[in-house]
């Protein structure tokens, strides 16, 4: 009889040297050394195709910072060859809050693929195309997803059988104005049949701002009703839209 495969975390990051980091010490570290779980840190930059190993580009529609390219990240995800039953997570401040119930479910599965973002954000099209579930560890913004990924993995590992013993085995950024961030896009113009929304390439800054505002409101109302309820209907940072715009990220 063969032993079942250990719980495995596959991390996509621009800084693979950050792993296992603190997960290599204490209870998690001993469990890692004894084979109770595994971690694989993969460099997103290895999937870049130009000689400079570029992974980002300027935001469509303008704005500060850079956005991680959809084609590069999609290639990195595909190269990881993740089994269909493994969750695909993206550490993101606009994701649904990580709860103990979600941690428990993740710990009981085969282990997730975790994408760690950097820069201003990630092209929305790869989030949609690769079915990434956005997960947040709190209402604050980090420099990247690595620290959040470490927290998520640690929360899961401590629940794995044999790690803590029988007693424990069962047991414009997001929030800057009370809203979640709008979807981000960058080149290429067409990715797997999905174009950048036309409004973002129109050159009309007023329309871009209005679109982004509507998307932020729709995401906040759908994903964080607790935040949405704190914004009075007539407040300056809540528009009087009559209908929540359809957003592909919420089905």
C-alpha atoms as a PDB file:
ATOM      1  CA  UNK A   1       0.000   0.000   0.000  1.00  0.00           C
ATOM      2  CA  UNK A   2       1.465   3.349  -1.056  1.00  0.00           C
ATOM      3  CA  UNK A   3       1.409   6.376   1.190  1.00  0.00           C
ATOM      4  CA  UNK A   4      -0.754   9.310   0.057  1.00  0.00           C
ATOM      5  CA  UNK A   5       1.055  12.309  -1.381  1.00  0.00           C
ATOM      6  CA  UNK A   6       1.918  14.952   1.240  1.00  0.00           C
ATOM      7  CA  UNK A   7       0.152  18.306   1.313  1.00  0.00           C
ATOM      8  CA  UNK A   8       1.933  20.578  -1.169  1.00  0.00           C
ATOM      9  CA  UNK A   9       2.105  24.345  -1.636  1.00  0.00           C
ATOM     10  CA  UNK A  10       3.266  25.575  -5.039  1.00  0.00           C
ATOM     11  CA  UNK A  11       4.148  29.271  -4.953  1.00  0.00           C
ATOM     12  CA  UNK A  12       4.577  31.487  -8.031  1.00  0.00           C
ATOM     13  CA  UNK A  13       6.675  34.515  -7.137  1.00  0.00           C
ATOM     14  CA  UNK A  14       9.303  36.935  -8.418  1.00  0.00           C
ATOM     15  CA  UNK A  15      11.289  36.199  -5.248  1.00  0.00           C
ATOM     16  CA  UNK A  16      11.515  32.414  -4.784  1.00  0.00           C
ATOM     17  CA  UNK A  17      14.377  32.926  -2.330  1.00  0.00           C
ATOM     18  CA  UNK A  18      11.782  34.136   0.211  1.00  0.00           C
ATOM     19  CA  UNK A  19      10.596  30.527   0.633  1.00  0.00           C
ATOM     20  CA  UNK A  20      10.426  28.556   2.821  1.00  0.00           C
ATOM     21  CA  UNK A  21      11.643  31.463   4.972  1.00  0.00           C
ATOM     22  CA  UNK A  22      10.021  31.275   8.419  1.00  0.00           C
ATOM     23  CA  UNK A  23       8.213  28.122   7.321  1.00  0.00           C
ATOM     24  CA  UNK A  24      11.562  26.339   7.487  1.00  0.00           C
ATOM     25  CA  UNK A  25      11.782  26.652  11.274  1.00  0.00           C
ATOM     26  CA  UNK A  26       9.720  25.672  14.315  1.00  0.00           C
ATOM     27  CA  UNK A  27       6.782  23.271  13.903  1.00  0.00           C
ATOM     28  CA  UNK A  28       6.326  23.951  10.210  1.00  0.00           C
ATOM     29  CA  UNK A  29      10.047  23.500   9.581  1.00  0.00           C
ATOM     30  CA  UNK A  30      10.220  20.187  11.433  1.00  0.00           C
ATOM     31  CA  UNK A  31       7.152  18.963   9.572  1.00  0.00           C
ATOM     32  CA  UNK A  32       8.728  20.046   6.283  1.00  0.00           C
ATOM     33  CA  UNK A  33      11.956  18.220   7.083  1.00  0.00           C
ATOM     34  CA  UNK A  34      10.057  15.068   8.023  1.00  0.00           C
ATOM     35  CA  UNK A  35       8.048  15.067   4.785  1.00  0.00           C
ATOM     36  CA  UNK A  36       4.618  15.871   6.240  1.00  0.00           C
ATOM     37  CA  UNK A  37       4.273  18.639   3.658  1.00  0.00           C
ATOM     38  CA  UNK A  38       6.171  20.083   0.704  1.00  0.00           C
ATOM     39  CA  UNK A  39       6.738  23.524  -0.792  1.00  0.00           C
ATOM     40  CA  UNK A  40       7.826  24.478  -4.296  1.00  0.00           C
ATOM     41  CA  UNK A  41       8.706  28.107  -5.085  1.00  0.00           C
ATOM     42  CA  UNK A  42       8.713  28.847  -8.826  1.00  0.00           C
ATOM     43  CA  UNK A  43      10.112  32.011 -10.390  1.00  0.00           C
ATOM     44  CA  UNK A  44       7.536  33.829 -12.545  1.00  0.00           C
ATOM     45  CA  UNK A  45      10.362  35.547 -14.399  1.00  0.00           C
ATOM     46  CA  UNK A  46      11.442  32.181 -15.831  1.00  0.00           C
ATOM     47  CA  UNK A  47       8.386  32.393 -18.116  1.00  0.00           C
ATOM     48  CA  UNK A  48       9.371  35.775 -19.597  1.00  0.00           C
ATOM     49  CA  UNK A  49      10.253  35.591 -23.290  1.00  0.00           C
ATOM     50  CA  UNK A  50      12.454  38.639 -23.939  1.00  0.00           C
ATOM     51  CA  UNK A  51      16.163  38.982 -23.184  1.00  0.00           C
ATOM     52  CA  UNK A  52      15.434  41.374 -20.309  1.00  0.00           C
ATOM     53  CA  UNK A  53      13.045  38.843 -18.714  1.00  0.00           C
ATOM     54  CA  UNK A  54      10.318  41.496 -18.523  1.00  0.00           C
ATOM     55  CA  UNK A  55       7.207  40.577 -16.532  1.00  0.00           C
ATOM     56  CA  UNK A  56       5.290  43.865 -16.265  1.00  0.00           C
ATOM     57  CA  UNK A  57       4.039  46.807 -18.314  1.00  0.00           C
ATOM     58  CA  UNK A  58       2.255  50.126 -17.832  1.00  0.00           C
ATOM     59  CA  UNK A  59      -1.448  50.119 -16.823  1.00  0.00           C
ATOM     60  CA  UNK A  60      -3.970  50.374 -19.652  1.00  0.00           C
ATOM     61  CA  UNK A  61      -5.848  53.646 -19.229  1.00  0.00           C
ATOM     62  CA  UNK A  62      -2.943  55.283 -17.438  1.00  0.00           C
ATOM     63  CA  UNK A  63      -2.057  55.561 -13.777  1.00  0.00           C
ATOM     64  CA  UNK A  64       0.890  54.924 -11.472  1.00  0.00           C
ATOM     65  CA  UNK A  65       2.955  51.783 -11.146  1.00  0.00           C
ATOM     66  CA  UNK A  66       3.233  48.733 -13.345  1.00  0.00           C
ATOM     67  CA  UNK A  67       0.963  45.724 -13.951  1.00  0.00           C
ATOM     68  CA  UNK A  68       2.044  42.075 -14.165  1.00  0.00           C
ATOM     69  CA  UNK A  69       1.463  40.835 -17.717  1.00  0.00           C
ATOM     70  CA  UNK A  70      -1.230  38.240 -18.370  1.00  0.00           C
ATOM     71  CA  UNK A  71       0.779  36.257 -20.921  1.00  0.00           C
ATOM     72  CA  UNK A  72       3.842  35.869 -18.695  1.00  0.00           C
ATOM     73  CA  UNK A  73       1.890  34.873 -15.586  1.00  0.00           C
ATOM     74  CA  UNK A  74      -0.366  32.504 -17.547  1.00  0.00           C
ATOM     75  CA  UNK A  75       2.730  30.775 -18.941  1.00  0.00           C
ATOM     76  CA  UNK A  76       4.127  30.447 -15.402  1.00  0.00           C
ATOM     77  CA  UNK A  77       0.861  28.934 -14.144  1.00  0.00           C
ATOM     78  CA  UNK A  78       0.696  26.500 -17.058  1.00  0.00           C
ATOM     79  CA  UNK A  79       4.339  25.479 -16.589  1.00  0.00           C
ATOM     80  CA  UNK A  80       3.590  24.494 -12.980  1.00  0.00           C
ATOM     81  CA  UNK A  81       1.258  21.756 -14.310  1.00  0.00           C
ATOM     82  CA  UNK A  82      -1.118  21.954 -11.377  1.00  0.00           C
ATOM     83  CA  UNK A  83      -3.710  19.182 -11.037  1.00  0.00           C
ATOM     84  CA  UNK A  84      -7.299  20.326 -11.552  1.00  0.00           C
ATOM     85  CA  UNK A  85      -8.331  19.459  -7.997  1.00  0.00           C
ATOM     86  CA  UNK A  86      -5.783  21.842  -6.465  1.00  0.00           C
ATOM     87  CA  UNK A  87      -7.092  25.356  -5.665  1.00  0.00           C
ATOM     88  CA  UNK A  88      -5.515  28.263  -7.534  1.00  0.00           C
ATOM     89  CA  UNK A  89      -5.169  31.247  -5.235  1.00  0.00           C
ATOM     90  CA  UNK A  90      -4.035  34.827  -5.761  1.00  0.00           C
ATOM     91  CA  UNK A  91      -3.008  36.770  -2.677  1.00  0.00           C
ATOM     92  CA  UNK A  92      -4.774  40.101  -3.145  1.00  0.00           C
ATOM     93  CA  UNK A  93      -6.039  42.891  -0.839  1.00  0.00           C
ATOM     94  CA  UNK A  94      -9.303  42.932  -2.777  1.00  0.00           C
ATOM     95  CA  UNK A  95      -9.923  39.190  -2.309  1.00  0.00           C
ATOM     96  CA  UNK A  96     -12.394  37.576   0.025  1.00  0.00           C
ATOM     97  CA  UNK A  97     -11.055  37.553   3.595  1.00  0.00           C
ATOM     98  CA  UNK A  98      -9.219  34.407   4.624  1.00  0.00           C
ATOM     99  CA  UNK A  99     -11.132  32.655   7.388  1.00  0.00           C
ATOM    100  CA  UNK A 100     -10.361  29.692   9.584  1.00  0.00           C
ATOM    101  CA  UNK A 101     -13.063  27.722   7.787  1.00  0.00           C
ATOM    102  CA  UNK A 102     -11.328  28.344   4.466  1.00  0.00           C
ATOM    103  CA  UNK A 103      -7.949  27.456   5.976  1.00  0.00           C
ATOM    104  CA  UNK A 104      -9.384  24.189   7.293  1.00  0.00           C
ATOM    105  CA  UNK A 105     -10.778  23.302   3.873  1.00  0.00           C
ATOM    106  CA  UNK A 106      -7.443  24.067   2.207  1.00  0.00           C
ATOM    107  CA  UNK A 107      -5.559  21.980   4.769  1.00  0.00           C
ATOM    108  CA  UNK A 108      -7.843  19.019   4.092  1.00  0.00           C
ATOM    109  CA  UNK A 109      -7.124  19.146   0.349  1.00  0.00           C
ATOM    110  CA  UNK A 110      -4.008  18.375  -1.702  1.00  0.00           C
ATOM    111  CA  UNK A 111      -2.581  21.884  -1.260  1.00  0.00           C
ATOM    112  CA  UNK A 112      -2.926  25.042  -3.358  1.00  0.00           C
ATOM    113  CA  UNK A 113      -1.096  26.893  -6.078  1.00  0.00           C
ATOM    114  CA  UNK A 114      -0.489  30.391  -4.708  1.00  0.00           C
ATOM    115  CA  UNK A 115       0.267  33.349  -6.968  1.00  0.00           C
ATOM    116  CA  UNK A 116       2.116  36.235  -5.315  1.00  0.00           C
ATOM    117  CA  UNK A 117       1.486  39.557  -6.997  1.00  0.00           C
ATOM    118  CA  UNK A 118       3.785  42.553  -7.143  1.00  0.00           C
ATOM    119  CA  UNK A 119       3.708  46.049  -8.639  1.00  0.00           C
ATOM    120  CA  UNK A 120       0.349  47.833  -9.018  1.00  0.00           C
ATOM    121  CA  UNK A 121      -1.560  44.646  -9.715  1.00  0.00           C
ATOM    122  CA  UNK A 122      -2.125  41.757 -12.116  1.00  0.00           C
ATOM    123  CA  UNK A 123      -3.819  41.871 -15.515  1.00  0.00           C
ATOM    124  CA  UNK A 124      -7.441  40.907 -14.842  1.00  0.00           C
ATOM    125  CA  UNK A 125      -7.568  38.602 -17.853  1.00  0.00           C
ATOM    126  CA  UNK A 126      -5.191  36.023 -16.382  1.00  0.00           C
ATOM    127  CA  UNK A 127      -7.211  36.047 -13.147  1.00  0.00           C
ATOM    128  CA  UNK A 128     -10.305  35.197 -15.186  1.00  0.00           C
ATOM    129  CA  UNK A 129      -8.653  32.822 -17.675  1.00  0.00           C
ATOM    130  CA  UNK A 130      -6.842  30.711 -15.090  1.00  0.00           C
ATOM    131  CA  UNK A 131      -9.622  30.756 -12.482  1.00  0.00           C
ATOM    132  CA  UNK A 132      -7.609  32.397  -9.723  1.00  0.00           C
ATOM    133  CA  UNK A 133      -9.446  32.787  -6.421  1.00  0.00           C
ATOM    134  CA  UNK A 134      -8.459  36.097  -4.841  1.00  0.00           C
ATOM    135  CA  UNK A 135      -7.724  35.782  -1.122  1.00  0.00           C
ATOM    136  CA  UNK A 136      -6.986  38.565   1.366  1.00  0.00           C
ATOM    137  CA  UNK A 137      -5.303  38.267   4.752  1.00  0.00           C
ATOM    138  CA  UNK A 138      -6.540  41.645   5.955  1.00  0.00           C
ATOM    139  CA  UNK A 139      -7.628  45.159   5.126  1.00  0.00           C
ATOM    140  CA  UNK A 140      -4.151  46.472   4.390  1.00  0.00           C
ATOM    141  CA  UNK A 141      -1.724  46.521   1.452  1.00  0.00           C
ATOM    142  CA  UNK A 142       1.642  44.719   1.439  1.00  0.00           C
ATOM    143  CA  UNK A 143       4.553  45.201  -0.970  1.00  0.00           C
ATOM    144  CA  UNK A 144       3.783  41.811  -2.481  1.00  0.00           C
ATOM    145  CA  UNK A 145       1.902  38.581  -1.931  1.00  0.00           C
ATOM    146  CA  UNK A 146       4.775  36.616  -0.441  1.00  0.00           C
ATOM    147  CA  UNK A 147       4.183  37.523   3.207  1.00  0.00           C
ATOM    148  CA  UNK A 148       0.468  36.848   2.789  1.00  0.00           C
ATOM    149  CA  UNK A 149       1.275  33.484   1.182  1.00  0.00           C
ATOM    150  CA  UNK A 150       3.540  32.606   4.106  1.00  0.00           C
ATOM    151  CA  UNK A 151       0.697  33.392   6.505  1.00  0.00           C
ATOM    152  CA  UNK A 152      -1.790  31.274   4.555  1.00  0.00           C
ATOM    153  CA  UNK A 153       0.585  28.318   4.268  1.00  0.00           C
ATOM    154  CA  UNK A 154       1.475  28.484   7.955  1.00  0.00           C
ATOM    155  CA  UNK A 155      -2.208  28.531   8.911  1.00  0.00           C
ATOM    156  CA  UNK A 156      -2.775  25.404   6.810  1.00  0.00           C
ATOM    157  CA  UNK A 157       0.355  23.482   7.808  1.00  0.00           C
ATOM    158  CA  UNK A 158      -0.392  23.684  11.521  1.00  0.00           C
ATOM    159  CA  UNK A 159      -3.646  21.787  10.872  1.00  0.00           C
ATOM    160  CA  UNK A 160      -2.004  18.902   9.017  1.00  0.00           C
ATOM    161  CA  UNK A 161      -2.041  15.562  10.851  1.00  0.00           C
ATOM    162  CA  UNK A 162       1.131  15.039  12.850  1.00  0.00           C
ATOM    163  CA  UNK A 163       2.280  18.668  12.827  1.00  0.00           C
ATOM    164  CA  UNK A 164       0.823  19.759  16.165  1.00  0.00           C
ATOM    165  CA  UNK A 165      -0.431  16.434  17.461  1.00  0.00           C
ATOM    166  CA  UNK A 166      -3.923  14.960  17.777  1.00  0.00           C
ATOM    167  CA  UNK A 167      -5.240  17.866  19.863  1.00  0.00           C
ATOM    168  CA  UNK A 168      -4.776  20.400  17.053  1.00  0.00           C
ATOM    169  CA  UNK A 169      -5.435  18.156  14.071  1.00  0.00           C
ATOM    170  CA  UNK A 170      -9.176  18.835  14.021  1.00  0.00           C
ATOM    171  CA  UNK A 171      -9.240  22.201  14.950  1.00  0.00           C
ATOM    172  CA  UNK A 172      -6.163  54.268  -5.866  1.00  0.00           C
ATOM    173  CA  UNK A 173      -5.479  50.809  -3.904  1.00  0.00           C
ATOM    174  CA  UNK A 174      -8.008  48.605  -2.245  1.00  0.00           C
ATOM    175  CA  UNK A 175      -9.496  50.177   0.890  1.00  0.00           C
ATOM    176  CA  UNK A 176      -7.972  53.625   0.203  1.00  0.00           C
ATOM    177  CA  UNK A 177     -11.481  55.101  -0.013  1.00  0.00           C
ATOM    178  CA  UNK A 178     -13.495  52.236   1.407  1.00  0.00           C
ATOM    179  CA  UNK A 179     -13.802  50.400  -1.906  1.00  0.00           C
ATOM    180  CA  UNK A 180     -12.023  47.435  -3.478  1.00  0.00           C
ATOM    181  CA  UNK A 181      -9.737  48.073  -6.416  1.00  0.00           C
ATOM    182  CA  UNK A 182     -11.030  47.886  -9.988  1.00  0.00           C
ATOM    183  CA  UNK A 183      -9.723  45.227 -12.460  1.00  0.00           C
ATOM    184  CA  UNK A 184      -6.315  45.965 -14.027  1.00  0.00           C
ATOM    185  CA  UNK A 185      -5.237  45.322 -17.634  1.00  0.00           C
ATOM    186  CA  UNK A 186      -2.084  45.788 -19.722  1.00  0.00           C
ATOM    187  CA  UNK A 187      -0.559  44.518 -22.971  1.00  0.00           C
ATOM    188  CA  UNK A 188      -1.046  42.367 -24.956  1.00  0.00           C
ATOM    189  CA  UNK A 189      -4.155  44.001 -26.410  1.00  0.00           C
ATOM    190  CA  UNK A 190      -5.724  40.579 -27.020  1.00  0.00           C
ATOM    191  CA  UNK A 191      -5.115  37.683 -24.621  1.00  0.00           C
ATOM    192  CA  UNK A 192      -6.653  34.275 -25.418  1.00  0.00           C
ATOM    193  CA  UNK A 193      -9.530  35.990 -27.206  1.00  0.00           C
ATOM    194  CA  UNK A 194     -10.171  38.472 -24.376  1.00  0.00           C
ATOM    195  CA  UNK A 195      -9.526  42.136 -25.265  1.00  0.00           C
ATOM    196  CA  UNK A 196      -8.755  45.004 -22.926  1.00  0.00           C
ATOM    197  CA  UNK A 197     -12.098  46.755 -22.202  1.00  0.00           C
ATOM    198  CA  UNK A 198     -12.578  49.353 -24.926  1.00  0.00           C
ATOM    199  CA  UNK A 199     -13.097  52.214 -22.486  1.00  0.00           C
ATOM    200  CA  UNK A 200      -9.526  51.826 -21.184  1.00  0.00           C
ATOM    201  CA  UNK A 201      -8.052  52.426 -24.628  1.00  0.00           C
ATOM    202  CA  UNK A 202     -10.455  55.242 -25.586  1.00  0.00           C
ATOM    203  CA  UNK A 203      -8.217  58.035 -24.330  1.00  0.00           C
ATOM    204  CA  UNK A 204     -11.228  59.553 -22.536  1.00  0.00           C
ATOM    205  CA  UNK A 205      -9.952  59.984 -18.986  1.00  0.00           C
ATOM    206  CA  UNK A 206     -13.379  60.885 -17.610  1.00  0.00           C
ATOM    207  CA  UNK A 207     -14.892  57.680 -19.000  1.00  0.00           C
ATOM    208  CA  UNK A 208     -11.954  55.637 -17.672  1.00  0.00           C
ATOM    209  CA  UNK A 209     -12.417  57.132 -14.198  1.00  0.00           C
ATOM    210  CA  UNK A 210     -16.173  56.484 -14.273  1.00  0.00           C
ATOM    211  CA  UNK A 211     -15.683  52.878 -15.427  1.00  0.00           C
ATOM    212  CA  UNK A 212     -13.128  52.201 -12.733  1.00  0.00           C
ATOM    213  CA  UNK A 213     -15.361  53.743 -10.105  1.00  0.00           C
ATOM    214  CA  UNK A 214     -18.332  51.623 -11.176  1.00  0.00           C
ATOM    215  CA  UNK A 215     -16.218  48.460 -11.168  1.00  0.00           C
ATOM    216  CA  UNK A 216     -14.860  49.250  -7.688  1.00  0.00           C
ATOM    217  CA  UNK A 217     -18.360  49.778  -6.350  1.00  0.00           C
ATOM    218  CA  UNK A 218     -19.635  46.578  -7.954  1.00  0.00           C
ATOM    219  CA  UNK A 219     -16.768  44.533  -6.527  1.00  0.00           C
ATOM    220  CA  UNK A 220     -17.153  46.060  -3.062  1.00  0.00           C
ATOM    221  CA  UNK A 221     -20.905  45.533  -2.949  1.00  0.00           C
ATOM    222  CA  UNK A 222     -20.560  41.927  -4.151  1.00  0.00           C
ATOM    223  CA  UNK A 223     -17.523  40.842  -2.147  1.00  0.00           C
ATOM    224  CA  UNK A 224     -17.408  43.029   0.945  1.00  0.00           C
ATOM    225  CA  UNK A 225     -20.910  44.055   1.983  1.00  0.00           C
ATOM    226  CA  UNK A 226     -19.456  44.969   5.378  1.00  0.00           C
ATOM    227  CA  UNK A 227     -17.386  47.682   3.720  1.00  0.00           C
ATOM    228  CA  UNK A 228     -20.222  48.697   1.394  1.00  0.00           C
ATOM    229  CA  UNK A 229     -22.607  49.170   4.321  1.00  0.00           C
ATOM    230  CA  UNK A 230     -20.218  51.681   5.886  1.00  0.00           C
ATOM    231  CA  UNK A 231     -20.537  54.056   2.922  1.00  0.00           C
ATOM    232  CA  UNK A 232     -23.715  56.201   3.190  1.00  0.00           C
ATOM    233  CA  UNK A 233     -25.769  56.226  -0.004  1.00  0.00           C
ATOM    234  CA  UNK A 234     -25.277  59.974  -0.453  1.00  0.00           C
ATOM    235  CA  UNK A 235     -21.615  60.110   0.568  1.00  0.00           C
ATOM    236  CA  UNK A 236     -19.129  61.760  -1.852  1.00  0.00           C
ATOM    237  CA  UNK A 237     -17.293  58.457  -2.380  1.00  0.00           C
ATOM    238  CA  UNK A 238     -20.408  56.499  -3.346  1.00  0.00           C
ATOM    239  CA  UNK A 239     -21.971  57.181  -6.731  1.00  0.00           C
ATOM    240  CA  UNK A 240     -25.677  57.035  -7.369  1.00  0.00           C
ATOM    241  CA  UNK A 241     -25.564  54.161  -9.828  1.00  0.00           C
ATOM    242  CA  UNK A 242     -28.875  52.375 -10.215  1.00  0.00           C
ATOM    243  CA  UNK A 243     -27.568  48.999 -11.337  1.00  0.00           C
ATOM    244  CA  UNK A 244     -24.500  46.994 -10.436  1.00  0.00           C
ATOM    245  CA  UNK A 245     -22.454  46.649 -13.643  1.00  0.00           C
ATOM    246  CA  UNK A 246     -21.787  43.123 -14.816  1.00  0.00           C
ATOM    247  CA  UNK A 247     -18.272  42.115 -13.800  1.00  0.00           C
ATOM    248  CA  UNK A 248     -16.743  38.942 -15.187  1.00  0.00           C
ATOM    249  CA  UNK A 249     -14.845  38.345 -11.960  1.00  0.00           C
ATOM    250  CA  UNK A 250     -18.081  37.673 -10.074  1.00  0.00           C
ATOM    251  CA  UNK A 251     -19.649  35.304 -12.594  1.00  0.00           C
END
